[in-house]
Amino acid sequence: MVQSDSASQMIDDIDPNLMQFLHDKVNSFIKWDLVRFFHDNPHAADTADNIARYTGRDVRTIADELIELVEVGVLEQQEAAGQIIYALANDRGMRELINAFVRACDDRLFRVKAIYHVIRAMR
């Protein structure tokens, strides 16, 4: 019972919108890094290869994560010169949610709880 109490404490006081965002969209640390990258570079539009280089990750590691972020509406993709280009979604609500998430990450306690949630989701 103690374990479930601590689990509920790690989730209970997270804003429900941010909790849903974590659950549905940023459910891996790679996605978290990608969301942070696009938040910090809101006008970036680039290929998976370049995004991997900018974020210090291997392209094989981020390719599926980029596709999943497109599928859930965090990113948009378009084809240019035979290559897929990824950019932050233009949806105002999504951008506000991303901003709220990144601002919340400035709080250490929120980060600990978010990390806990992502690790739990990965099991």
PDB file of N, CA and C in Angstrom:
ATOM      1  N   MET A   1       0.821  -1.194   0.000  1.00  0.00           N
ATOM      2  CA  MET A   1       0.000   0.000   0.000  1.00  0.00           C
ATOM      3  C   MET A   1       0.860   1.250   0.000  1.00  0.00           C
ATOM      4  N   VAL A   2       2.008   1.217   0.658  1.00  0.00           N
ATOM      5  CA  VAL A   2       2.892   2.382   0.715  1.00  0.00           C
ATOM      6  C   VAL A   2       3.328   2.774  -0.690  1.00  0.00           C
ATOM      7  N   GLN A   3       3.630   1.782  -1.532  1.00  0.00           N
ATOM      8  CA  GLN A   3       4.069   2.092  -2.876  1.00  0.00           C
ATOM      9  C   GLN A   3       2.982   2.828  -3.655  1.00  0.00           C
ATOM     10  N   SER A   4       1.749   2.406  -3.572  1.00  0.00           N
ATOM     11  CA  SER A   4       0.689   3.079  -4.311  1.00  0.00           C
ATOM     12  C   SER A   4       0.437   4.487  -3.754  1.00  0.00           C
ATOM     13  N   ASP A   5       0.614   4.673  -2.433  1.00  0.00           N
ATOM     14  CA  ASP A   5       0.471   6.013  -1.862  1.00  0.00           C
ATOM     15  C   ASP A   5       1.541   6.952  -2.403  1.00  0.00           C
ATOM     16  N   SER A   6       2.785   6.482  -2.477  1.00  0.00           N
ATOM     17  CA  SER A   6       3.840   7.341  -3.000  1.00  0.00           C
ATOM     18  C   SER A   6       3.630   7.583  -4.484  1.00  0.00           C
ATOM     19  N   ALA A   7       3.131   6.591  -5.197  1.00  0.00           N
ATOM     20  CA  ALA A   7       2.842   6.778  -6.623  1.00  0.00           C
ATOM     21  C   ALA A   7       1.761   7.823  -6.814  1.00  0.00           C
ATOM     22  N   SER A   8       0.741   7.773  -5.996  1.00  0.00           N
ATOM     23  CA  SER A   8      -0.329   8.751  -6.152  1.00  0.00           C
ATOM     24  C   SER A   8       0.150  10.143  -5.755  1.00  0.00           C
ATOM     25  N   GLN A   9       1.052  10.240  -4.782  1.00  0.00           N
ATOM     26  CA  GLN A   9       1.616  11.548  -4.421  1.00  0.00           C
ATOM     27  C   GLN A   9       2.421  12.132  -5.566  1.00  0.00           C
ATOM     28  N   MET A  10       3.070  11.285  -6.360  1.00  0.00           N
ATOM     29  CA  MET A  10       3.887  11.757  -7.468  1.00  0.00           C
ATOM     30  C   MET A  10       3.032  12.276  -8.616  1.00  0.00           C
ATOM     31  N   ILE A  11       1.756  11.958  -8.618  1.00  0.00           N
ATOM     32  CA  ILE A  11       0.897  12.341  -9.732  1.00  0.00           C
ATOM     33  C   ILE A  11      -0.199  13.314  -9.308  1.00  0.00           C
ATOM     34  N   ASP A  12      -0.664  13.190  -8.076  1.00  0.00           N
ATOM     35  CA  ASP A  12      -1.857  13.909  -7.629  1.00  0.00           C
ATOM     36  C   ASP A  12      -1.837  15.412  -7.872  1.00  0.00           C
ATOM     37  N   ASP A  13      -0.747  16.083  -7.587  1.00  0.00           N
ATOM     38  CA  ASP A  13      -0.795  17.532  -7.669  1.00  0.00           C
ATOM     39  C   ASP A  13      -0.209  18.104  -8.961  1.00  0.00           C
ATOM     40  N   ILE A  14      -0.019  17.263  -9.974  1.00  0.00           N
ATOM     41  CA  ILE A  14       0.367  17.762 -11.291  1.00  0.00           C
ATOM     42  C   ILE A  14      -0.898  18.246 -11.990  1.00  0.00           C
ATOM     43  N   ASP A  15      -0.806  19.418 -12.598  1.00  0.00           N
ATOM     44  CA  ASP A  15      -1.919  19.955 -13.373  1.00  0.00           C
ATOM     45  C   ASP A  15      -2.429  18.867 -14.325  1.00  0.00           C
ATOM     46  N   PRO A  16      -3.730  18.612 -14.349  1.00  0.00           N
ATOM     47  CA  PRO A  16      -4.276  17.534 -15.196  1.00  0.00           C
ATOM     48  C   PRO A  16      -3.915  17.691 -16.676  1.00  0.00           C
ATOM     49  N   ASN A  17      -3.856  18.918 -17.167  1.00  0.00           N
ATOM     50  CA  ASN A  17      -3.487  19.128 -18.573  1.00  0.00           C
ATOM     51  C   ASN A  17      -2.032  18.717 -18.818  1.00  0.00           C
ATOM     52  N   LEU A  18      -1.155  19.043 -17.877  1.00  0.00           N
ATOM     53  CA  LEU A  18       0.248  18.657 -18.015  1.00  0.00           C
ATOM     54  C   LEU A  18       0.412  17.149 -17.842  1.00  0.00           C
ATOM     55  N   MET A  19      -0.386  16.569 -16.955  1.00  0.00           N
ATOM     56  CA  MET A  19      -0.342  15.120 -16.768  1.00  0.00           C
ATOM     57  C   MET A  19      -0.756  14.413 -18.055  1.00  0.00           C
ATOM     58  N   GLN A  20      -1.804  14.912 -18.690  1.00  0.00           N
ATOM     59  CA  GLN A  20      -2.267  14.326 -19.958  1.00  0.00           C
ATOM     60  C   GLN A  20      -1.211  14.511 -21.044  1.00  0.00           C
ATOM     61  N   PHE A  21      -0.564  15.684 -21.057  1.00  0.00           N
ATOM     62  CA  PHE A  21       0.510  15.966 -22.009  1.00  0.00           C
ATOM     63  C   PHE A  21       1.652  14.966 -21.821  1.00  0.00           C
ATOM     64  N   LEU A  22       2.036  14.723 -20.580  1.00  0.00           N
ATOM     65  CA  LEU A  22       3.079  13.732 -20.289  1.00  0.00           C
ATOM     66  C   LEU A  22       2.650  12.339 -20.740  1.00  0.00           C
ATOM     67  N   HIS A  23       1.451  11.982 -20.423  1.00  0.00           N
ATOM     68  CA  HIS A  23       0.951  10.638 -20.718  1.00  0.00           C
ATOM     69  C   HIS A  23       0.831  10.397 -22.221  1.00  0.00           C
ATOM     70  N   ASP A  24       0.287  11.369 -22.944  1.00  0.00           N
ATOM     71  CA  ASP A  24      -0.031  11.174 -24.356  1.00  0.00           C
ATOM     72  C   ASP A  24       1.060  11.615 -25.323  1.00  0.00           C
ATOM     73  N   LYS A  25       1.872  12.565 -24.922  1.00  0.00           N
ATOM     74  CA  LYS A  25       2.786  13.176 -25.890  1.00  0.00           C
ATOM     75  C   LYS A  25       4.260  13.080 -25.521  1.00  0.00           C
ATOM     76  N   VAL A  26       4.607  13.330 -24.277  1.00  0.00           N
ATOM     77  CA  VAL A  26       6.013  13.351 -23.857  1.00  0.00           C
ATOM     78  C   VAL A  26       6.262  12.153 -22.946  1.00  0.00           C
ATOM     79  N   ASN A  27       6.018  10.973 -23.489  1.00  0.00           N
ATOM     80  CA  ASN A  27       6.108   9.755 -22.680  1.00  0.00           C
ATOM     81  C   ASN A  27       7.464   9.054 -22.807  1.00  0.00           C
ATOM     82  N   SER A  28       8.471   9.803 -23.243  1.00  0.00           N
ATOM     83  CA  SER A  28       9.843   9.290 -23.257  1.00  0.00           C
ATOM     84  C   SER A  28      10.791  10.474 -23.067  1.00  0.00           C
ATOM     85  N   PHE A  29      11.985  10.171 -22.628  1.00  0.00           N
ATOM     86  CA  PHE A  29      12.957  11.248 -22.430  1.00  0.00           C
ATOM     87  C   PHE A  29      13.430  11.832 -23.757  1.00  0.00           C
ATOM     88  N   ILE A  30      13.408  11.036 -24.799  1.00  0.00           N
ATOM     89  CA  ILE A  30      13.777  11.546 -26.132  1.00  0.00           C
ATOM     90  C   ILE A  30      12.738  12.568 -26.580  1.00  0.00           C
ATOM     91  N   LYS A  31      11.461  12.242 -26.415  1.00  0.00           N
ATOM     92  CA  LYS A  31      10.407  13.198 -26.787  1.00  0.00           C
ATOM     93  C   LYS A  31      10.515  14.460 -25.942  1.00  0.00           C
ATOM     94  N   TRP A  32      10.836  14.303 -24.683  1.00  0.00           N
ATOM     95  CA  TRP A  32      11.010  15.449 -23.790  1.00  0.00           C
ATOM     96  C   TRP A  32      12.095  16.362 -24.351  1.00  0.00           C
ATOM     97  N   ASP A  33      13.236  15.770 -24.748  1.00  0.00           N
ATOM     98  CA  ASP A  33      14.326  16.557 -25.346  1.00  0.00           C
ATOM     99  C   ASP A  33      13.879  17.245 -26.633  1.00  0.00           C
ATOM    100  N   LEU A  34      13.133  16.533 -27.457  1.00  0.00           N
ATOM    101  CA  LEU A  34      12.684  17.108 -28.727  1.00  0.00           C
ATOM    102  C   LEU A  34      11.697  18.250 -28.499  1.00  0.00           C
ATOM    103  N   VAL A  35      10.781  18.069 -27.562  1.00  0.00           N
ATOM    104  CA  VAL A  35       9.835  19.141 -27.236  1.00  0.00           C
ATOM    105  C   VAL A  35      10.597  20.363 -26.741  1.00  0.00           C
ATOM    106  N   ARG A  36      11.580  20.130 -25.894  1.00  0.00           N
ATOM    107  CA  ARG A  36      12.391  21.249 -25.382  1.00  0.00           C
ATOM    108  C   ARG A  36      13.156  21.936 -26.510  1.00  0.00           C
ATOM    109  N   PHE A  37      13.712  21.163 -27.424  1.00  0.00           N
ATOM    110  CA  PHE A  37      14.433  21.728 -28.564  1.00  0.00           C
ATOM    111  C   PHE A  37      13.510  22.632 -29.386  1.00  0.00           C
ATOM    112  N   PHE A  38      12.331  22.127 -29.729  1.00  0.00           N
ATOM    113  CA  PHE A  38      11.423  22.928 -30.555  1.00  0.00           C
ATOM    114  C   PHE A  38      10.851  24.112 -29.781  1.00  0.00           C
ATOM    115  N   HIS A  39      10.668  23.963 -28.483  1.00  0.00           N
ATOM    116  CA  HIS A  39      10.222  25.101 -27.685  1.00  0.00           C
ATOM    117  C   HIS A  39      11.280  26.205 -27.715  1.00  0.00           C
ATOM    118  N   ASP A  40      12.530  25.817 -27.541  1.00  0.00           N
ATOM    119  CA  ASP A  40      13.624  26.791 -27.514  1.00  0.00           C
ATOM    120  C   ASP A  40      13.955  27.346 -28.890  1.00  0.00           C
ATOM    121  N   ASN A  41      13.525  26.644 -29.938  1.00  0.00           N
ATOM    122  CA  ASN A  41      13.773  27.045 -31.331  1.00  0.00           C
ATOM    123  C   ASN A  41      12.459  26.977 -32.099  1.00  0.00           C
ATOM    124  N   PRO A  42      11.496  27.835 -31.758  1.00  0.00           N
ATOM    125  CA  PRO A  42      10.144  27.686 -32.309  1.00  0.00           C
ATOM    126  C   PRO A  42      10.034  27.876 -33.824  1.00  0.00           C
ATOM    127  N   HIS A  43      11.046  28.448 -34.443  1.00  0.00           N
ATOM    128  CA  HIS A  43      11.002  28.650 -35.891  1.00  0.00           C
ATOM    129  C   HIS A  43      11.832  27.614 -36.637  1.00  0.00           C
ATOM    130  N   ALA A  44      12.392  26.656 -35.905  1.00  0.00           N
ATOM    131  CA  ALA A  44      13.193  25.606 -36.534  1.00  0.00           C
ATOM    132  C   ALA A  44      12.309  24.733 -37.413  1.00  0.00           C
ATOM    133  N   ALA A  45      12.824  24.404 -38.567  1.00  0.00           N
ATOM    134  CA  ALA A  45      12.187  23.467 -39.491  1.00  0.00           C
ATOM    135  C   ALA A  45      13.334  22.731 -40.163  1.00  0.00           C
ATOM    136  N   ASP A  46      13.482  21.450 -39.834  1.00  0.00           N
ATOM    137  CA  ASP A  46      14.672  20.757 -40.305  1.00  0.00           C
ATOM    138  C   ASP A  46      14.436  19.262 -40.416  1.00  0.00           C
ATOM    139  N   THR A  47      15.440  18.593 -40.959  1.00  0.00           N
ATOM    140  CA  THR A  47      15.396  17.143 -41.142  1.00  0.00           C
ATOM    141  C   THR A  47      15.732  16.429 -39.836  1.00  0.00           C
ATOM    142  N   ALA A  48      15.387  15.166 -39.787  1.00  0.00           N
ATOM    143  CA  ALA A  48      15.717  14.352 -38.610  1.00  0.00           C
ATOM    144  C   ALA A  48      17.225  14.316 -38.383  1.00  0.00           C
ATOM    145  N   ASP A  49      18.010  14.240 -39.467  1.00  0.00           N
ATOM    146  CA  ASP A  49      19.474  14.218 -39.325  1.00  0.00           C
ATOM    147  C   ASP A  49      19.978  15.466 -38.608  1.00  0.00           C
ATOM    148  N   ASN A  50      19.516  16.626 -39.034  1.00  0.00           N
ATOM    149  CA  ASN A  50      19.984  17.867 -38.412  1.00  0.00           C
ATOM    150  C   ASN A  50      19.455  18.024 -36.989  1.00  0.00           C
ATOM    151  N   ILE A  51      18.208  17.644 -36.766  1.00  0.00           N
ATOM    152  CA  ILE A  51      17.647  17.718 -35.416  1.00  0.00           C
ATOM    153  C   ILE A  51      18.438  16.808 -34.476  1.00  0.00           C
ATOM    154  N   ALA A  52      18.802  15.635 -34.958  1.00  0.00           N
ATOM    155  CA  ALA A  52      19.612  14.720 -34.154  1.00  0.00           C
ATOM    156  C   ALA A  52      20.942  15.377 -33.799  1.00  0.00           C
ATOM    157  N   ARG A  53      21.555  16.005 -34.759  1.00  0.00           N
ATOM    158  CA  ARG A  53      22.844  16.669 -34.517  1.00  0.00           C
ATOM    159  C   ARG A  53      22.676  17.793 -33.486  1.00  0.00           C
ATOM    160  N   TYR A  54      21.636  18.619 -33.640  1.00  0.00           N
ATOM    161  CA  TYR A  54      21.414  19.743 -32.715  1.00  0.00           C
ATOM    162  C   TYR A  54      21.124  19.273 -31.296  1.00  0.00           C
ATOM    163  N   THR A  55      20.434  18.133 -31.183  1.00  0.00           N
ATOM    164  CA  THR A  55      20.050  17.651 -29.852  1.00  0.00           C
ATOM    165  C   THR A  55      21.067  16.674 -29.264  1.00  0.00           C
ATOM    166  N   GLY A  56      22.111  16.366 -30.016  1.00  0.00           N
ATOM    167  CA  GLY A  56      23.146  15.471 -29.515  1.00  0.00           C
ATOM    168  C   GLY A  56      22.702  14.018 -29.447  1.00  0.00           C
ATOM    169  N   ARG A  57      21.776  13.654 -30.312  1.00  0.00           N
ATOM    170  CA  ARG A  57      21.278  12.277 -30.328  1.00  0.00           C
ATOM    171  C   ARG A  57      21.530  11.660 -31.698  1.00  0.00           C
ATOM    172  N   ASP A  58      21.457  10.361 -31.746  1.00  0.00           N
ATOM    173  CA  ASP A  58      21.585   9.622 -32.991  1.00  0.00           C
ATOM    174  C   ASP A  58      20.260   9.692 -33.744  1.00  0.00           C
ATOM    175  N   VAL A  59      20.329   9.851 -35.059  1.00  0.00           N
ATOM    176  CA  VAL A  59      19.102   9.969 -35.852  1.00  0.00           C
ATOM    177  C   VAL A  59      18.233   8.717 -35.718  1.00  0.00           C
ATOM    178  N   ARG A  60      18.842   7.555 -35.590  1.00  0.00           N
ATOM    179  CA  ARG A  60      18.051   6.325 -35.418  1.00  0.00           C
ATOM    180  C   ARG A  60      17.267   6.360 -34.117  1.00  0.00           C
ATOM    181  N   THR A  61      17.781   7.080 -33.140  1.00  0.00           N
ATOM    182  CA  THR A  61      17.127   7.189 -31.841  1.00  0.00           C
ATOM    183  C   THR A  61      15.917   8.108 -31.897  1.00  0.00           C
ATOM    184  N   ILE A  62      15.991   9.153 -32.701  1.00  0.00           N
ATOM    185  CA  ILE A  62      14.908  10.142 -32.688  1.00  0.00           C
ATOM    186  C   ILE A  62      13.892   9.988 -33.814  1.00  0.00           C
ATOM    187  N   ALA A  63      14.207   9.216 -34.842  1.00  0.00           N
ATOM    188  CA  ALA A  63      13.334   9.145 -36.030  1.00  0.00           C
ATOM    189  C   ALA A  63      11.898   8.746 -35.674  1.00  0.00           C
ATOM    190  N   ASP A  64      11.723   7.656 -34.948  1.00  0.00           N
ATOM    191  CA  ASP A  64      10.377   7.211 -34.579  1.00  0.00           C
ATOM    192  C   ASP A  64       9.703   8.190 -33.619  1.00  0.00           C
ATOM    193  N   GLU A  65      10.501   8.792 -32.751  1.00  0.00           N
ATOM    194  CA  GLU A  65       9.948   9.747 -31.782  1.00  0.00           C
ATOM    195  C   GLU A  65       9.408  10.999 -32.503  1.00  0.00           C
ATOM    196  N   LEU A  66      10.115  11.446 -33.530  1.00  0.00           N
ATOM    197  CA  LEU A  66       9.631  12.587 -34.317  1.00  0.00           C
ATOM    198  C   LEU A  66       8.296  12.247 -34.976  1.00  0.00           C
ATOM    199  N   ILE A  67       8.214  11.063 -35.549  1.00  0.00           N
ATOM    200  CA  ILE A  67       6.967  10.628 -36.196  1.00  0.00           C
ATOM    201  C   ILE A  67       5.834  10.589 -35.179  1.00  0.00           C
ATOM    202  N   GLU A  68       6.102  10.043 -33.991  1.00  0.00           N
ATOM    203  CA  GLU A  68       5.062   9.976 -32.961  1.00  0.00           C
ATOM    204  C   GLU A  68       4.638  11.371 -32.506  1.00  0.00           C
ATOM    205  N   LEU A  69       5.573  12.310 -32.420  1.00  0.00           N
ATOM    206  CA  LEU A  69       5.215  13.681 -32.045  1.00  0.00           C
ATOM    207  C   LEU A  69       4.369  14.345 -33.125  1.00  0.00           C
ATOM    208  N   VAL A  70       4.578  13.964 -34.380  1.00  0.00           N
ATOM    209  CA  VAL A  70       3.710  14.455 -35.463  1.00  0.00           C
ATOM    210  C   VAL A  70       2.310  13.857 -35.289  1.00  0.00           C
ATOM    211  N   GLU A  71       2.255  12.560 -35.014  1.00  0.00           N
ATOM    212  CA  GLU A  71       0.968  11.871 -34.874  1.00  0.00           C
ATOM    213  C   GLU A  71       0.111  12.440 -33.749  1.00  0.00           C
ATOM    214  N   VAL A  72       0.737  12.954 -32.690  1.00  0.00           N
ATOM    215  CA  VAL A  72      -0.028  13.492 -31.565  1.00  0.00           C
ATOM    216  C   VAL A  72      -0.171  15.011 -31.629  1.00  0.00           C
ATOM    217  N   GLY A  73       0.271  15.622 -32.723  1.00  0.00           N
ATOM    218  CA  GLY A  73       0.024  17.039 -32.943  1.00  0.00           C
ATOM    219  C   GLY A  73       1.023  18.009 -32.340  1.00  0.00           C
ATOM    220  N   VAL A  74       2.135  17.513 -31.799  1.00  0.00           N
ATOM    221  CA  VAL A  74       3.155  18.400 -31.236  1.00  0.00           C
ATOM    222  C   VAL A  74       3.981  19.013 -32.366  1.00  0.00           C
ATOM    223  N   LEU A  75       4.281  18.195 -33.364  1.00  0.00           N
ATOM    224  CA  LEU A  75       5.062  18.646 -34.517  1.00  0.00           C
ATOM    225  C   LEU A  75       4.242  18.503 -35.792  1.00  0.00           C
ATOM    226  N   GLU A  76       4.708  19.185 -36.818  1.00  0.00           N
ATOM    227  CA  GLU A  76       4.159  19.029 -38.164  1.00  0.00           C
ATOM    228  C   GLU A  76       5.302  18.579 -39.053  1.00  0.00           C
ATOM    229  N   GLN A  77       4.957  17.889 -40.116  1.00  0.00           N
ATOM    230  CA  GLN A  77       5.987  17.499 -41.069  1.00  0.00           C
ATOM    231  C   GLN A  77       5.528  17.857 -42.473  1.00  0.00           C
ATOM    232  N   GLN A  78       6.496  18.166 -43.302  1.00  0.00           N
ATOM    233  CA  GLN A  78       6.229  18.394 -44.714  1.00  0.00           C
ATOM    234  C   GLN A  78       7.416  17.902 -45.503  1.00  0.00           C
ATOM    235  N   GLU A  79       7.180  17.663 -46.775  1.00  0.00           N
ATOM    236  CA  GLU A  79       8.264  17.198 -47.622  1.00  0.00           C
ATOM    237  C   GLU A  79       8.793  18.368 -48.432  1.00  0.00           C
ATOM    238  N   ALA A  80      10.116  18.463 -48.483  1.00  0.00           N
ATOM    239  CA  ALA A  80      10.778  19.499 -49.275  1.00  0.00           C
ATOM    240  C   ALA A  80      12.025  18.878 -49.892  1.00  0.00           C
ATOM    241  N   ALA A  81      12.130  18.983 -51.185  1.00  0.00           N
ATOM    242  CA  ALA A  81      13.289  18.438 -51.909  1.00  0.00           C
ATOM    243  C   ALA A  81      13.522  16.969 -51.573  1.00  0.00           C
ATOM    244  N   GLY A  82      12.430  16.222 -51.436  1.00  0.00           N
ATOM    245  CA  GLY A  82      12.533  14.792 -51.173  1.00  0.00           C
ATOM    246  C   GLY A  82      12.889  14.425 -49.745  1.00  0.00           C
ATOM    247  N   GLN A  83      12.914  15.389 -48.850  1.00  0.00           N
ATOM    248  CA  GLN A  83      13.225  15.112 -47.450  1.00  0.00           C
ATOM    249  C   GLN A  83      12.069  15.544 -46.566  1.00  0.00           C
ATOM    250  N   ILE A  84      11.906  14.844 -45.451  1.00  0.00           N
ATOM    251  CA  ILE A  84      10.885  15.199 -44.475  1.00  0.00           C
ATOM    252  C   ILE A  84      11.458  16.277 -43.562  1.00  0.00           C
ATOM    253  N   ILE A  85      10.699  17.349 -43.418  1.00  0.00           N
ATOM    254  CA  ILE A  85      11.085  18.474 -42.571  1.00  0.00           C
ATOM    255  C   ILE A  85      10.116  18.516 -41.389  1.00  0.00           C
ATOM    256  N   TYR A  86      10.660  18.632 -40.198  1.00  0.00           N
ATOM    257  CA  TYR A  86       9.856  18.691 -38.974  1.00  0.00           C
ATOM    258  C   TYR A  86       9.885  20.098 -38.411  1.00  0.00           C
ATOM    259  N   ALA A  87       8.732  20.533 -37.905  1.00  0.00           N
ATOM    260  CA  ALA A  87       8.624  21.848 -37.288  1.00  0.00           C
ATOM    261  C   ALA A  87       7.582  21.772 -36.179  1.00  0.00           C
ATOM    262  N   LEU A  88       7.653  22.720 -35.277  1.00  0.00           N
ATOM    263  CA  LEU A  88       6.672  22.823 -34.199  1.00  0.00           C
ATOM    264  C   LEU A  88       5.298  23.090 -34.801  1.00  0.00           C
ATOM    265  N   ALA A  89       4.285  22.431 -34.264  1.00  0.00           N
ATOM    266  CA  ALA A  89       2.916  22.628 -34.748  1.00  0.00           C
ATOM    267  C   ALA A  89       2.503  24.085 -34.582  1.00  0.00           C
ATOM    268  N   ASN A  90       1.731  24.573 -35.518  1.00  0.00           N
ATOM    269  CA  ASN A  90       1.258  25.951 -35.459  1.00  0.00           C
ATOM    270  C   ASN A  90       0.044  26.123 -34.563  1.00  0.00           C
ATOM    271  N   ASP A  91      -0.524  25.037 -34.086  1.00  0.00           N
ATOM    272  CA  ASP A  91      -1.706  25.086 -33.243  1.00  0.00           C
ATOM    273  C   ASP A  91      -1.420  25.873 -31.967  1.00  0.00           C
ATOM    274  N   ARG A  92      -2.186  26.938 -31.762  1.00  0.00           N
ATOM    275  CA  ARG A  92      -1.955  27.823 -30.608  1.00  0.00           C
ATOM    276  C   ARG A  92      -2.104  27.093 -29.268  1.00  0.00           C
ATOM    277  N   GLY A  93      -3.133  26.262 -29.162  1.00  0.00           N
ATOM    278  CA  GLY A  93      -3.352  25.508 -27.925  1.00  0.00           C
ATOM    279  C   GLY A  93      -2.184  24.583 -27.612  1.00  0.00           C
ATOM    280  N   MET A  94      -1.657  23.925 -28.646  1.00  0.00           N
ATOM    281  CA  MET A  94      -0.522  23.028 -28.444  1.00  0.00           C
ATOM    282  C   MET A  94       0.704  23.824 -28.018  1.00  0.00           C
ATOM    283  N   ARG A  95       0.940  24.956 -28.639  1.00  0.00           N
ATOM    284  CA  ARG A  95       2.097  25.780 -28.263  1.00  0.00           C
ATOM    285  C   ARG A  95       1.971  26.285 -26.823  1.00  0.00           C
ATOM    286  N   GLU A  96       0.761  26.645 -26.413  1.00  0.00           N
ATOM    287  CA  GLU A  96       0.554  27.090 -25.031  1.00  0.00           C
ATOM    288  C   GLU A  96       0.802  25.946 -24.052  1.00  0.00           C
ATOM    289  N   LEU A  97       0.365  24.741 -24.420  1.00  0.00           N
ATOM    290  CA  LEU A  97       0.595  23.570 -23.574  1.00  0.00           C
ATOM    291  C   LEU A  97       2.088  23.261 -23.472  1.00  0.00           C
ATOM    292  N   ILE A  98       2.787  23.355 -24.582  1.00  0.00           N
ATOM    293  CA  ILE A  98       4.242  23.136 -24.576  1.00  0.00           C
ATOM    294  C   ILE A  98       4.917  24.186 -23.704  1.00  0.00           C
ATOM    295  N   ASN A  99       4.514  25.441 -23.834  1.00  0.00           N
ATOM    296  CA  ASN A  99       5.082  26.506 -22.991  1.00  0.00           C
ATOM    297  C   ASN A  99       4.827  26.234 -21.515  1.00  0.00           C
ATOM    298  N   ALA A 100       3.614  25.802 -21.191  1.00  0.00           N
ATOM    299  CA  ALA A 100       3.279  25.497 -19.792  1.00  0.00           C
ATOM    300  C   ALA A 100       4.135  24.347 -19.279  1.00  0.00           C
ATOM    301  N   PHE A 101       4.344  23.336 -20.108  1.00  0.00           N
ATOM    302  CA  PHE A 101       5.169  22.197 -19.718  1.00  0.00           C
ATOM    303  C   PHE A 101       6.613  22.630 -19.464  1.00  0.00           C
ATOM    304  N   VAL A 102       7.177  23.406 -20.384  1.00  0.00           N
ATOM    305  CA  VAL A 102       8.573  23.836 -20.232  1.00  0.00           C
ATOM    306  C   VAL A 102       8.725  24.739 -19.014  1.00  0.00           C
ATOM    307  N   ARG A 103       7.764  25.635 -18.797  1.00  0.00           N
ATOM    308  CA  ARG A 103       7.809  26.494 -17.597  1.00  0.00           C
ATOM    309  C   ARG A 103       7.726  25.644 -16.333  1.00  0.00           C
ATOM    310  N   ALA A 104       6.848  24.653 -16.336  1.00  0.00           N
ATOM    311  CA  ALA A 104       6.705  23.776 -15.171  1.00  0.00           C
ATOM    312  C   ALA A 104       8.006  23.016 -14.908  1.00  0.00           C
ATOM    313  N   CYS A 105       8.731  22.696 -15.962  1.00  0.00           N
ATOM    314  CA  CYS A 105      10.002  21.965 -15.814  1.00  0.00           C
ATOM    315  C   CYS A 105      11.069  22.795 -15.112  1.00  0.00           C
ATOM    316  N   ASP A 106      10.867  24.101 -15.011  1.00  0.00           N
ATOM    317  CA  ASP A 106      11.796  24.939 -14.253  1.00  0.00           C
ATOM    318  C   ASP A 106      11.723  24.634 -12.759  1.00  0.00           C
ATOM    319  N   ASP A 107      10.609  24.037 -12.335  1.00  0.00           N
ATOM    320  CA  ASP A 107      10.418  23.672 -10.935  1.00  0.00           C
ATOM    321  C   ASP A 107      10.967  22.261 -10.696  1.00  0.00           C
ATOM    322  N   ARG A 108      11.924  22.149  -9.787  1.00  0.00           N
ATOM    323  CA  ARG A 108      12.572  20.874  -9.513  1.00  0.00           C
ATOM    324  C   ARG A 108      11.580  19.783  -9.124  1.00  0.00           C
ATOM    325  N   LEU A 109      10.633  20.088  -8.263  1.00  0.00           N
ATOM    326  CA  LEU A 109       9.667  19.098  -7.814  1.00  0.00           C
ATOM    327  C   LEU A 109       8.819  18.591  -8.993  1.00  0.00           C
ATOM    328  N   PHE A 110       8.406  19.505  -9.875  1.00  0.00           N
ATOM    329  CA  PHE A 110       7.657  19.067 -11.055  1.00  0.00           C
ATOM    330  C   PHE A 110       8.515  18.127 -11.905  1.00  0.00           C
ATOM    331  N   ARG A 111       9.777  18.491 -12.124  1.00  0.00           N
ATOM    332  CA  ARG A 111      10.669  17.642 -12.933  1.00  0.00           C
ATOM    333  C   ARG A 111      10.795  16.252 -12.338  1.00  0.00           C
ATOM    334  N   VAL A 112      10.965  16.185 -11.026  1.00  0.00           N
ATOM    335  CA  VAL A 112      11.076  14.876 -10.360  1.00  0.00           C
ATOM    336  C   VAL A 112       9.812  14.061 -10.612  1.00  0.00           C
ATOM    337  N   LYS A 113       8.674  14.687 -10.463  1.00  0.00           N
ATOM    338  CA  LYS A 113       7.406  13.982 -10.670  1.00  0.00           C
ATOM    339  C   LYS A 113       7.238  13.583 -12.133  1.00  0.00           C
ATOM    340  N   ALA A 114       7.616  14.460 -13.046  1.00  0.00           N
ATOM    341  CA  ALA A 114       7.508  14.147 -14.469  1.00  0.00           C
ATOM    342  C   ALA A 114       8.446  13.007 -14.849  1.00  0.00           C
ATOM    343  N   ILE A 115       9.657  13.030 -14.314  1.00  0.00           N
ATOM    344  CA  ILE A 115      10.621  11.949 -14.572  1.00  0.00           C
ATOM    345  C   ILE A 115      10.058  10.623 -14.058  1.00  0.00           C
ATOM    346  N   TYR A 116       9.503  10.666 -12.859  1.00  0.00           N
ATOM    347  CA  TYR A 116       8.885   9.472 -12.278  1.00  0.00           C
ATOM    348  C   TYR A 116       7.801   8.932 -13.210  1.00  0.00           C
ATOM    349  N   HIS A 117       6.969   9.822 -13.731  1.00  0.00           N
ATOM    350  CA  HIS A 117       5.880   9.410 -14.604  1.00  0.00           C
ATOM    351  C   HIS A 117       6.417   8.783 -15.894  1.00  0.00           C
ATOM    352  N   VAL A 118       7.420   9.410 -16.499  1.00  0.00           N
ATOM    353  CA  VAL A 118       7.977   8.875 -17.743  1.00  0.00           C
ATOM    354  C   VAL A 118       8.596   7.503 -17.500  1.00  0.00           C
ATOM    355  N   ILE A 119       9.333   7.353 -16.420  1.00  0.00           N
ATOM    356  CA  ILE A 119       9.940   6.055 -16.110  1.00  0.00           C
ATOM    357  C   ILE A 119       8.848   4.998 -15.901  1.00  0.00           C
ATOM    358  N   ARG A 120       7.815   5.370 -15.189  1.00  0.00           N
ATOM    359  CA  ARG A 120       6.710   4.427 -14.964  1.00  0.00           C
ATOM    360  C   ARG A 120       6.039   4.027 -16.259  1.00  0.00           C
ATOM    361  N   ALA A 121       5.876   4.971 -17.163  1.00  0.00           N
ATOM    362  CA  ALA A 121       5.230   4.697 -18.447  1.00  0.00           C
ATOM    363  C   ALA A 121       6.095   3.785 -19.326  1.00  0.00           C
ATOM    364  N   MET A 122       7.409   3.822 -19.122  1.00  0.00           N
ATOM    365  CA  MET A 122       8.319   3.020 -19.936  1.00  0.00           C
ATOM    366  C   MET A 122       8.351   1.560 -19.518  1.00  0.00           C
ATOM    367  N   ARG A 123       7.831   1.246 -18.355  1.00  0.00           N
ATOM    368  CA  ARG A 123       7.861  -0.149 -17.866  1.00  0.00           C
ATOM    369  C   ARG A 123       6.941  -1.031 -18.633  1.00  0.00           C
TER     370      ARG A 123
END
